[in-house]
Structure formats: structure tokens, C-alpha cells
Amino acid sequence: MLAPGGSFFLFEHTPLNPLTRHAVRNCPFDENAVMIDAREMRRRFDAAGLTGARTIFRIFFPRLLSAFRLLERWLTACPLGAQYHQPCRVK
């Protein structure tokens, strides 16, 4: 339960990322997981009365390419990151 004006932060896997789909499909912990894309999650936030949701994509480069992680701050609008988060507020 959140108080009016309270903040809510959601982190979710990005279903558009093929490596994320592979990881979720092959992880016993995620056996029944259903990934929800950012647009659908935003619709659900709106229906629940949460406002100001913005989508920030993250984790673009695996460990092997970690030298490129400095570039991730400029890729936050690209829906191919392994995860996204959507901070928002309660009306």
C-alpha cells in the first residue's frame, strides 16, 4: 500500500532482448514467468492510478562486453536492454 504521492519502482525483464528470453526460458526459478513489455506495464500502471511512469532500459552489455557499459547511460530509451524499470507515483 502506498500513500498519496508515494513512489513505486518496478524492475522487469525486457521481452525484446533475445538473451533475456533465453535466460528466462532456461532458468528453473523462472519456470512459469511471463515477461511483460514496457508498454503493457505502463497501461497497467495507468489503470491502477499510478502517474508519471517513464521507462528506463538498462543492462545492454554482458560481462564479455563490459568495457562498453559506459555507453549505457545514452541507451536508456532503447528497448533492447535486458531489463527496464519504471518509476512512478501514486496520485
PDB file of N, CA and C in Angstrom:
ATOM      1  N   MET A   1       0.851  -1.165   0.000  1.00  0.00           N
ATOM      2  CA  MET A   1       0.000   0.000   0.000  1.00  0.00           C
ATOM      3  C   MET A   1       0.899   1.232   0.000  1.00  0.00           C
ATOM      4  N   LEU A   2       0.566   2.182  -0.842  1.00  0.00           N
ATOM      5  CA  LEU A   2       1.331   3.422  -0.936  1.00  0.00           C
ATOM      6  C   LEU A   2       0.463   4.602  -0.537  1.00  0.00           C
ATOM      7  N   ALA A   3       1.061   5.552   0.123  1.00  0.00           N
ATOM      8  CA  ALA A   3       0.360   6.785   0.479  1.00  0.00           C
ATOM      9  C   ALA A   3       0.267   7.681  -0.752  1.00  0.00           C
ATOM     10  N   PRO A   4      -0.712   8.584  -0.808  1.00  0.00           N
ATOM     11  CA  PRO A   4      -0.769   9.539  -1.918  1.00  0.00           C
ATOM     12  C   PRO A   4       0.573  10.264  -2.049  1.00  0.00           C
ATOM     13  N   GLY A   5       1.060  10.344  -3.268  1.00  0.00           N
ATOM     14  CA  GLY A   5       2.355  10.964  -3.525  1.00  0.00           C
ATOM     15  C   GLY A   5       3.525  10.010  -3.319  1.00  0.00           C
ATOM     16  N   GLY A   6       3.247   8.765  -2.878  1.00  0.00           N
ATOM     17  CA  GLY A   6       4.304   7.781  -2.673  1.00  0.00           C
ATOM     18  C   GLY A   6       4.889   7.301  -3.988  1.00  0.00           C
ATOM     19  N   SER A   7       6.086   6.763  -3.948  1.00  0.00           N
ATOM     20  CA  SER A   7       6.771   6.283  -5.152  1.00  0.00           C
ATOM     21  C   SER A   7       6.738   4.766  -5.232  1.00  0.00           C
ATOM     22  N   PHE A   8       6.704   4.279  -6.452  1.00  0.00           N
ATOM     23  CA  PHE A   8       6.734   2.848  -6.728  1.00  0.00           C
ATOM     24  C   PHE A   8       7.756   2.621  -7.838  1.00  0.00           C
ATOM     25  N   PHE A   9       8.610   1.626  -7.672  1.00  0.00           N
ATOM     26  CA  PHE A   9       9.632   1.319  -8.674  1.00  0.00           C
ATOM     27  C   PHE A   9       9.492  -0.140  -9.081  1.00  0.00           C
ATOM     28  N   LEU A  10       9.336  -0.379 -10.361  1.00  0.00           N
ATOM     29  CA  LEU A  10       9.213  -1.732 -10.880  1.00  0.00           C
ATOM     30  C   LEU A  10      10.422  -2.042 -11.754  1.00  0.00           C
ATOM     31  N   PHE A  11      11.025  -3.202 -11.556  1.00  0.00           N
ATOM     32  CA  PHE A  11      12.081  -3.701 -12.427  1.00  0.00           C
ATOM     33  C   PHE A  11      11.553  -4.962 -13.094  1.00  0.00           C
ATOM     34  N   GLU A  12      11.740  -5.068 -14.419  1.00  0.00           N
ATOM     35  CA  GLU A  12      11.205  -6.206 -15.170  1.00  0.00           C
ATOM     36  C   GLU A  12      12.164  -6.562 -16.295  1.00  0.00           C
ATOM     37  N   HIS A  13      12.170  -7.841 -16.666  1.00  0.00           N
ATOM     38  CA  HIS A  13      12.950  -8.274 -17.826  1.00  0.00           C
ATOM     39  C   HIS A  13      12.322  -7.715 -19.098  1.00  0.00           C
ATOM     40  N   THR A  14      13.159  -7.439 -20.088  1.00  0.00           N
ATOM     41  CA  THR A  14      12.681  -6.927 -21.374  1.00  0.00           C
ATOM     42  C   THR A  14      12.454  -8.089 -22.330  1.00  0.00           C
ATOM     43  N   PRO A  15      11.219  -8.356 -22.736  1.00  0.00           N
ATOM     44  CA  PRO A  15      10.960  -9.493 -23.620  1.00  0.00           C
ATOM     45  C   PRO A  15      11.547  -9.323 -25.025  1.00  0.00           C
ATOM     46  N   LEU A  16      11.929  -8.118 -25.419  1.00  0.00           N
ATOM     47  CA  LEU A  16      12.509  -7.917 -26.746  1.00  0.00           C
ATOM     48  C   LEU A  16      13.975  -8.333 -26.826  1.00  0.00           C
ATOM     49  N   ASN A  17      14.615  -8.547 -25.697  1.00  0.00           N
ATOM     50  CA  ASN A  17      16.028  -8.904 -25.678  1.00  0.00           C
ATOM     51  C   ASN A  17      16.166 -10.426 -25.809  1.00  0.00           C
ATOM     52  N   PRO A  18      16.800 -10.912 -26.886  1.00  0.00           N
ATOM     53  CA  PRO A  18      16.884 -12.368 -27.089  1.00  0.00           C
ATOM     54  C   PRO A  18      17.682 -13.091 -26.003  1.00  0.00           C
ATOM     55  N   LEU A  19      18.710 -12.476 -25.447  1.00  0.00           N
ATOM     56  CA  LEU A  19      19.472 -13.122 -24.379  1.00  0.00           C
ATOM     57  C   LEU A  19      18.646 -13.223 -23.102  1.00  0.00           C
ATOM     58  N   THR A  20      17.831 -12.225 -22.839  1.00  0.00           N
ATOM     59  CA  THR A  20      16.952 -12.272 -21.664  1.00  0.00           C
ATOM     60  C   THR A  20      15.912 -13.372 -21.830  1.00  0.00           C
ATOM     61  N   ARG A  21      15.317 -13.462 -23.009  1.00  0.00           N
ATOM     62  CA  ARG A  21      14.332 -14.529 -23.260  1.00  0.00           C
ATOM     63  C   ARG A  21      14.962 -15.905 -23.061  1.00  0.00           C
ATOM     64  N   HIS A  22      16.181 -16.065 -23.562  1.00  0.00           N
ATOM     65  CA  HIS A  22      16.890 -17.342 -23.402  1.00  0.00           C
ATOM     66  C   HIS A  22      17.127 -17.646 -21.920  1.00  0.00           C
ATOM     67  N   ALA A  23      17.591 -16.653 -21.170  1.00  0.00           N
ATOM     68  CA  ALA A  23      17.876 -16.846 -19.748  1.00  0.00           C
ATOM     69  C   ALA A  23      16.612 -17.214 -18.977  1.00  0.00           C
ATOM     70  N   VAL A  24      15.520 -16.525 -19.235  1.00  0.00           N
ATOM     71  CA  VAL A  24      14.261 -16.802 -18.532  1.00  0.00           C
ATOM     72  C   VAL A  24      13.728 -18.184 -18.922  1.00  0.00           C
ATOM     73  N   ARG A  25      13.812 -18.510 -20.186  1.00  0.00           N
ATOM     74  CA  ARG A  25      13.318 -19.803 -20.665  1.00  0.00           C
ATOM     75  C   ARG A  25      14.092 -20.977 -20.046  1.00  0.00           C
ATOM     76  N   ASN A  26      15.368 -20.781 -19.743  1.00  0.00           N
ATOM     77  CA  ASN A  26      16.215 -21.877 -19.259  1.00  0.00           C
ATOM     78  C   ASN A  26      16.511 -21.833 -17.761  1.00  0.00           C
ATOM     79  N   CYS A  27      15.882 -20.947 -17.037  1.00  0.00           N
ATOM     80  CA  CYS A  27      16.110 -20.834 -15.600  1.00  0.00           C
ATOM     81  C   CYS A  27      14.972 -21.521 -14.843  1.00  0.00           C
ATOM     82  N   PRO A  28      15.275 -22.533 -14.032  1.00  0.00           N
ATOM     83  CA  PRO A  28      14.215 -23.221 -13.275  1.00  0.00           C
ATOM     84  C   PRO A  28      13.415 -22.271 -12.382  1.00  0.00           C
ATOM     85  N   PHE A  29      14.069 -21.257 -11.845  1.00  0.00           N
ATOM     86  CA  PHE A  29      13.390 -20.289 -10.991  1.00  0.00           C
ATOM     87  C   PHE A  29      12.288 -19.550 -11.755  1.00  0.00           C
ATOM     88  N   ASP A  30      12.508 -19.325 -13.061  1.00  0.00           N
ATOM     89  CA  ASP A  30      11.561 -18.584 -13.903  1.00  0.00           C
ATOM     90  C   ASP A  30      10.624 -19.511 -14.683  1.00  0.00           C
ATOM     91  N   GLU A  31      10.437 -20.719 -14.216  1.00  0.00           N
ATOM     92  CA  GLU A  31       9.680 -21.721 -14.967  1.00  0.00           C
ATOM     93  C   GLU A  31       8.326 -21.218 -15.467  1.00  0.00           C
ATOM     94  N   ASN A  32       7.581 -20.517 -14.664  1.00  0.00           N
ATOM     95  CA  ASN A  32       6.255 -20.029 -15.062  1.00  0.00           C
ATOM     96  C   ASN A  32       6.222 -18.520 -15.270  1.00  0.00           C
ATOM     97  N   ALA A  33       7.395 -17.926 -15.436  1.00  0.00           N
ATOM     98  CA  ALA A  33       7.466 -16.470 -15.586  1.00  0.00           C
ATOM     99  C   ALA A  33       6.869 -16.025 -16.915  1.00  0.00           C
ATOM    100  N   VAL A  34       6.185 -14.911 -16.857  1.00  0.00           N
ATOM    101  CA  VAL A  34       5.651 -14.263 -18.055  1.00  0.00           C
ATOM    102  C   VAL A  34       6.218 -12.853 -18.076  1.00  0.00           C
ATOM    103  N   MET A  35       7.030 -12.566 -19.080  1.00  0.00           N
ATOM    104  CA  MET A  35       7.612 -11.225 -19.174  1.00  0.00           C
ATOM    105  C   MET A  35       6.575 -10.265 -19.745  1.00  0.00           C
ATOM    106  N   ILE A  36       6.525  -9.071 -19.202  1.00  0.00           N
ATOM    107  CA  ILE A  36       5.551  -8.061 -19.610  1.00  0.00           C
ATOM    108  C   ILE A  36       6.308  -6.902 -20.234  1.00  0.00           C
ATOM    109  N   ASP A  37       5.954  -6.564 -21.478  1.00  0.00           N
ATOM    110  CA  ASP A  37       6.674  -5.470 -22.131  1.00  0.00           C
ATOM    111  C   ASP A  37       6.321  -4.126 -21.502  1.00  0.00           C
ATOM    112  N   ALA A  38       7.177  -3.162 -21.732  1.00  0.00           N
ATOM    113  CA  ALA A  38       7.073  -1.860 -21.058  1.00  0.00           C
ATOM    114  C   ALA A  38       5.773  -1.129 -21.378  1.00  0.00           C
ATOM    115  N   ARG A  39       5.300  -1.219 -22.611  1.00  0.00           N
ATOM    116  CA  ARG A  39       4.041  -0.522 -22.955  1.00  0.00           C
ATOM    117  C   ARG A  39       2.861  -1.096 -22.189  1.00  0.00           C
ATOM    118  N   GLU A  40       2.809  -2.430 -22.111  1.00  0.00           N
ATOM    119  CA  GLU A  40       1.721  -3.069 -21.359  1.00  0.00           C
ATOM    120  C   GLU A  40       1.816  -2.720 -19.877  1.00  0.00           C
ATOM    121  N   MET A  41       3.020  -2.688 -19.351  1.00  0.00           N
ATOM    122  CA  MET A  41       3.183  -2.349 -17.939  1.00  0.00           C
ATOM    123  C   MET A  41       2.729  -0.915 -17.677  1.00  0.00           C
ATOM    124  N   ARG A  42       3.023  -0.017 -18.589  1.00  0.00           N
ATOM    125  CA  ARG A  42       2.580   1.375 -18.429  1.00  0.00           C
ATOM    126  C   ARG A  42       1.049   1.455 -18.441  1.00  0.00           C
ATOM    127  N   ARG A  43       0.401   0.694 -19.319  1.00  0.00           N
ATOM    128  CA  ARG A  43      -1.071   0.654 -19.336  1.00  0.00           C
ATOM    129  C   ARG A  43      -1.611   0.165 -17.991  1.00  0.00           C
ATOM    130  N   ARG A  44      -0.966  -0.836 -17.436  1.00  0.00           N
ATOM    131  CA  ARG A  44      -1.398  -1.363 -16.132  1.00  0.00           C
ATOM    132  C   ARG A  44      -1.186  -0.331 -15.027  1.00  0.00           C
ATOM    133  N   PHE A  45      -0.091   0.401 -15.087  1.00  0.00           N
ATOM    134  CA  PHE A  45       0.147   1.462 -14.109  1.00  0.00           C
ATOM    135  C   PHE A  45      -0.939   2.523 -14.205  1.00  0.00           C
ATOM    136  N   ASP A  46      -1.258   2.941 -15.423  1.00  0.00           N
ATOM    137  CA  ASP A  46      -2.308   3.945 -15.614  1.00  0.00           C
ATOM    138  C   ASP A  46      -3.635   3.468 -15.040  1.00  0.00           C
ATOM    139  N   ALA A  47      -3.976   2.209 -15.314  1.00  0.00           N
ATOM    140  CA  ALA A  47      -5.240   1.647 -14.812  1.00  0.00           C
ATOM    141  C   ALA A  47      -5.259   1.581 -13.288  1.00  0.00           C
ATOM    142  N   ALA A  48      -4.090   1.443 -12.674  1.00  0.00           N
ATOM    143  CA  ALA A  48      -4.005   1.362 -11.210  1.00  0.00           C
ATOM    144  C   ALA A  48      -3.909   2.734 -10.547  1.00  0.00           C
ATOM    145  N   GLY A  49      -3.896   3.801 -11.356  1.00  0.00           N
ATOM    146  CA  GLY A  49      -3.836   5.146 -10.797  1.00  0.00           C
ATOM    147  C   GLY A  49      -2.428   5.629 -10.494  1.00  0.00           C
ATOM    148  N   LEU A  50      -1.427   4.982 -11.055  1.00  0.00           N
ATOM    149  CA  LEU A  50      -0.048   5.428 -10.876  1.00  0.00           C
ATOM    150  C   LEU A  50       0.296   6.411 -11.995  1.00  0.00           C
ATOM    151  N   THR A  51       0.983   7.474 -11.675  1.00  0.00           N
ATOM    152  CA  THR A  51       1.250   8.521 -12.659  1.00  0.00           C
ATOM    153  C   THR A  51       2.743   8.746 -12.840  1.00  0.00           C
ATOM    154  N   GLY A  52       3.057   9.406 -13.952  1.00  0.00           N
ATOM    155  CA  GLY A  52       4.431   9.815 -14.205  1.00  0.00           C
ATOM    156  C   GLY A  52       5.369   8.683 -14.542  1.00  0.00           C
ATOM    157  N   ALA A  53       4.826   7.526 -14.914  1.00  0.00           N
ATOM    158  CA  ALA A  53       5.690   6.394 -15.245  1.00  0.00           C
ATOM    159  C   ALA A  53       6.528   6.722 -16.474  1.00  0.00           C
ATOM    160  N   ARG A  54       7.804   6.453 -16.370  1.00  0.00           N
ATOM    161  CA  ARG A  54       8.687   6.571 -17.521  1.00  0.00           C
ATOM    162  C   ARG A  54       9.508   5.302 -17.570  1.00  0.00           C
ATOM    163  N   THR A  55       9.830   4.871 -18.756  1.00  0.00           N
ATOM    164  CA  THR A  55      10.538   3.615 -18.925  1.00  0.00           C
ATOM    165  C   THR A  55      12.016   3.888 -19.142  1.00  0.00           C
ATOM    166  N   ILE A  56      12.844   3.205 -18.384  1.00  0.00           N
ATOM    167  CA  ILE A  56      14.288   3.338 -18.491  1.00  0.00           C
ATOM    168  C   ILE A  56      14.860   1.937 -18.713  1.00  0.00           C
ATOM    169  N   PHE A  57      15.441   1.716 -19.885  1.00  0.00           N
ATOM    170  CA  PHE A  57      16.024   0.419 -20.201  1.00  0.00           C
ATOM    171  C   PHE A  57      17.469   0.380 -19.711  1.00  0.00           C
ATOM    172  N   ARG A  58      17.912  -0.817 -19.303  1.00  0.00           N
ATOM    173  CA  ARG A  58      19.246  -0.958 -18.720  1.00  0.00           C
ATOM    174  C   ARG A  58      19.833  -2.334 -19.025  1.00  0.00           C
ATOM    175  N   ILE A  59      21.087  -2.498 -18.719  1.00  0.00           N
ATOM    176  CA  ILE A  59      21.845  -3.744 -18.887  1.00  0.00           C
ATOM    177  C   ILE A  59      21.872  -4.167 -20.355  1.00  0.00           C
ATOM    178  N   PHE A  60      22.693  -3.502 -21.128  1.00  0.00           N
ATOM    179  CA  PHE A  60      22.805  -3.769 -22.556  1.00  0.00           C
ATOM    180  C   PHE A  60      23.968  -4.688 -22.905  1.00  0.00           C
ATOM    181  N   PHE A  61      25.016  -4.655 -22.099  1.00  0.00           N
ATOM    182  CA  PHE A  61      26.219  -5.386 -22.463  1.00  0.00           C
ATOM    183  C   PHE A  61      26.538  -6.473 -21.430  1.00  0.00           C
ATOM    184  N   PRO A  62      26.696  -7.718 -21.884  1.00  0.00           N
ATOM    185  CA  PRO A  62      27.071  -8.793 -20.958  1.00  0.00           C
ATOM    186  C   PRO A  62      28.509  -8.608 -20.481  1.00  0.00           C
ATOM    187  N   ARG A  63      28.896  -9.410 -19.533  1.00  0.00           N
ATOM    188  CA  ARG A  63      30.225  -9.295 -18.918  1.00  0.00           C
ATOM    189  C   ARG A  63      31.331  -9.275 -19.968  1.00  0.00           C
ATOM    190  N   LEU A  64      31.214 -10.082 -20.995  1.00  0.00           N
ATOM    191  CA  LEU A  64      32.228 -10.145 -22.046  1.00  0.00           C
ATOM    192  C   LEU A  64      32.447  -8.784 -22.716  1.00  0.00           C
ATOM    193  N   LEU A  65      31.405  -7.976 -22.783  1.00  0.00           N
ATOM    194  CA  LEU A  65      31.479  -6.646 -23.407  1.00  0.00           C
ATOM    195  C   LEU A  65      31.387  -5.528 -22.373  1.00  0.00           C
ATOM    196  N   SER A  66      31.769  -5.810 -21.156  1.00  0.00           N
ATOM    197  CA  SER A  66      31.599  -4.841 -20.068  1.00  0.00           C
ATOM    198  C   SER A  66      32.337  -3.527 -20.299  1.00  0.00           C
ATOM    199  N   ALA A  67      33.339  -3.502 -21.142  1.00  0.00           N
ATOM    200  CA  ALA A  67      34.041  -2.247 -21.448  1.00  0.00           C
ATOM    201  C   ALA A  67      33.100  -1.220 -22.070  1.00  0.00           C
ATOM    202  N   PHE A  68      32.015  -1.687 -22.672  1.00  0.00           N
ATOM    203  CA  PHE A  68      31.059  -0.787 -23.318  1.00  0.00           C
ATOM    204  C   PHE A  68      29.966  -0.289 -22.377  1.00  0.00           C
ATOM    205  N   ARG A  69      29.951  -0.735 -21.150  1.00  0.00           N
ATOM    206  CA  ARG A  69      28.880  -0.353 -20.219  1.00  0.00           C
ATOM    207  C   ARG A  69      28.820   1.143 -19.951  1.00  0.00           C
ATOM    208  N   LEU A  70      29.901   1.843 -20.171  1.00  0.00           N
ATOM    209  CA  LEU A  70      29.877   3.306 -20.024  1.00  0.00           C
ATOM    210  C   LEU A  70      28.893   3.956 -20.994  1.00  0.00           C
ATOM    211  N   LEU A  71      28.584   3.285 -22.076  1.00  0.00           N
ATOM    212  CA  LEU A  71      27.654   3.814 -23.078  1.00  0.00           C
ATOM    213  C   LEU A  71      26.188   3.651 -22.674  1.00  0.00           C
ATOM    214  N   GLU A  72      25.919   2.852 -21.676  1.00  0.00           N
ATOM    215  CA  GLU A  72      24.533   2.520 -21.348  1.00  0.00           C
ATOM    216  C   GLU A  72      23.694   3.720 -20.943  1.00  0.00           C
ATOM    217  N   ARG A  73      24.307   4.726 -20.371  1.00  0.00           N
ATOM    218  CA  ARG A  73      23.502   5.893 -19.959  1.00  0.00           C
ATOM    219  C   ARG A  73      22.863   6.607 -21.154  1.00  0.00           C
ATOM    220  N   TRP A  74      23.388   6.399 -22.362  1.00  0.00           N
ATOM    221  CA  TRP A  74      22.813   7.019 -23.553  1.00  0.00           C
ATOM    222  C   TRP A  74      21.849   6.080 -24.276  1.00  0.00           C
ATOM    223  N   LEU A  75      21.677   4.885 -23.772  1.00  0.00           N
ATOM    224  CA  LEU A  75      20.814   3.896 -24.417  1.00  0.00           C
ATOM    225  C   LEU A  75      19.513   3.649 -23.658  1.00  0.00           C
ATOM    226  N   THR A  76      19.227   4.439 -22.655  1.00  0.00           N
ATOM    227  CA  THR A  76      18.088   4.164 -21.770  1.00  0.00           C
ATOM    228  C   THR A  76      16.727   4.188 -22.470  1.00  0.00           C
ATOM    229  N   ALA A  77      16.639   4.761 -23.668  1.00  0.00           N
ATOM    230  CA  ALA A  77      15.372   4.767 -24.402  1.00  0.00           C
ATOM    231  C   ALA A  77      15.277   3.597 -25.381  1.00  0.00           C
ATOM    232  N   CYS A  78      16.338   2.837 -25.532  1.00  0.00           N
ATOM    233  CA  CYS A  78      16.374   1.710 -26.475  1.00  0.00           C
ATOM    234  C   CYS A  78      15.782   0.466 -25.807  1.00  0.00           C
ATOM    235  N   PRO A  79      14.724  -0.118 -26.381  1.00  0.00           N
ATOM    236  CA  PRO A  79      14.028  -1.225 -25.713  1.00  0.00           C
ATOM    237  C   PRO A  79      14.727  -2.582 -25.806  1.00  0.00           C
ATOM    238  N   LEU A  80      16.029  -2.600 -26.058  1.00  0.00           N
ATOM    239  CA  LEU A  80      16.745  -3.871 -26.175  1.00  0.00           C
ATOM    240  C   LEU A  80      17.590  -4.209 -24.959  1.00  0.00           C
ATOM    241  N   GLY A  81      17.547  -3.380 -23.930  1.00  0.00           N
ATOM    242  CA  GLY A  81      18.271  -3.711 -22.699  1.00  0.00           C
ATOM    243  C   GLY A  81      17.689  -4.963 -22.069  1.00  0.00           C
ATOM    244  N   ALA A  82      18.451  -5.627 -21.224  1.00  0.00           N
ATOM    245  CA  ALA A  82      17.982  -6.867 -20.600  1.00  0.00           C
ATOM    246  C   ALA A  82      16.837  -6.614 -19.618  1.00  0.00           C
ATOM    247  N   GLN A  83      16.813  -5.430 -19.023  1.00  0.00           N
ATOM    248  CA  GLN A  83      15.761  -5.074 -18.073  1.00  0.00           C
ATOM    249  C   GLN A  83      15.300  -3.648 -18.328  1.00  0.00           C
ATOM    250  N   TYR A  84      14.148  -3.338 -17.760  1.00  0.00           N
ATOM    251  CA  TYR A  84      13.698  -1.949 -17.716  1.00  0.00           C
ATOM    252  C   TYR A  84      13.174  -1.683 -16.324  1.00  0.00           C
ATOM    253  N   HIS A  85      13.144  -0.418 -15.957  1.00  0.00           N
ATOM    254  CA  HIS A  85      12.444  -0.060 -14.733  1.00  0.00           C
ATOM    255  C   HIS A  85      11.572   1.149 -15.015  1.00  0.00           C
ATOM    256  N   GLN A  86      10.498   1.229 -14.245  1.00  0.00           N
ATOM    257  CA  GLN A  86       9.501   2.282 -14.414  1.00  0.00           C
ATOM    258  C   GLN A  86       9.190   2.902 -13.062  1.00  0.00           C
ATOM    259  N   PRO A  87       9.879   3.987 -12.730  1.00  0.00           N
ATOM    260  CA  PRO A  87       9.490   4.688 -11.509  1.00  0.00           C
ATOM    261  C   PRO A  87       8.197   5.486 -11.750  1.00  0.00           C
ATOM    262  N   CYS A  88       7.330   5.541 -10.761  1.00  0.00           N
ATOM    263  CA  CYS A  88       6.090   6.307 -10.882  1.00  0.00           C
ATOM    264  C   CYS A  88       5.602   6.689  -9.493  1.00  0.00           C
ATOM    265  N   ARG A  89       4.518   7.466  -9.439  1.00  0.00           N
ATOM    266  CA  ARG A  89       3.960   7.945  -8.177  1.00  0.00           C
ATOM    267  C   ARG A  89       2.469   7.602  -8.091  1.00  0.00           C
ATOM    268  N   VAL A  90       2.003   7.565  -6.857  1.00  0.00           N
ATOM    269  CA  VAL A  90       0.581   7.376  -6.617  1.00  0.00           C
ATOM    270  C   VAL A  90      -0.092   8.739  -6.710  1.00  0.00           C
ATOM    271  N   LYS A  91      -1.257   8.796  -7.378  1.00  0.00           N
ATOM    272  CA  LYS A  91      -1.990  10.068  -7.490  1.00  0.00           C
ATOM    273  C   LYS A  91      -2.390  10.580  -6.141  1.00  0.00           C
TER     274      LYS A  91
END
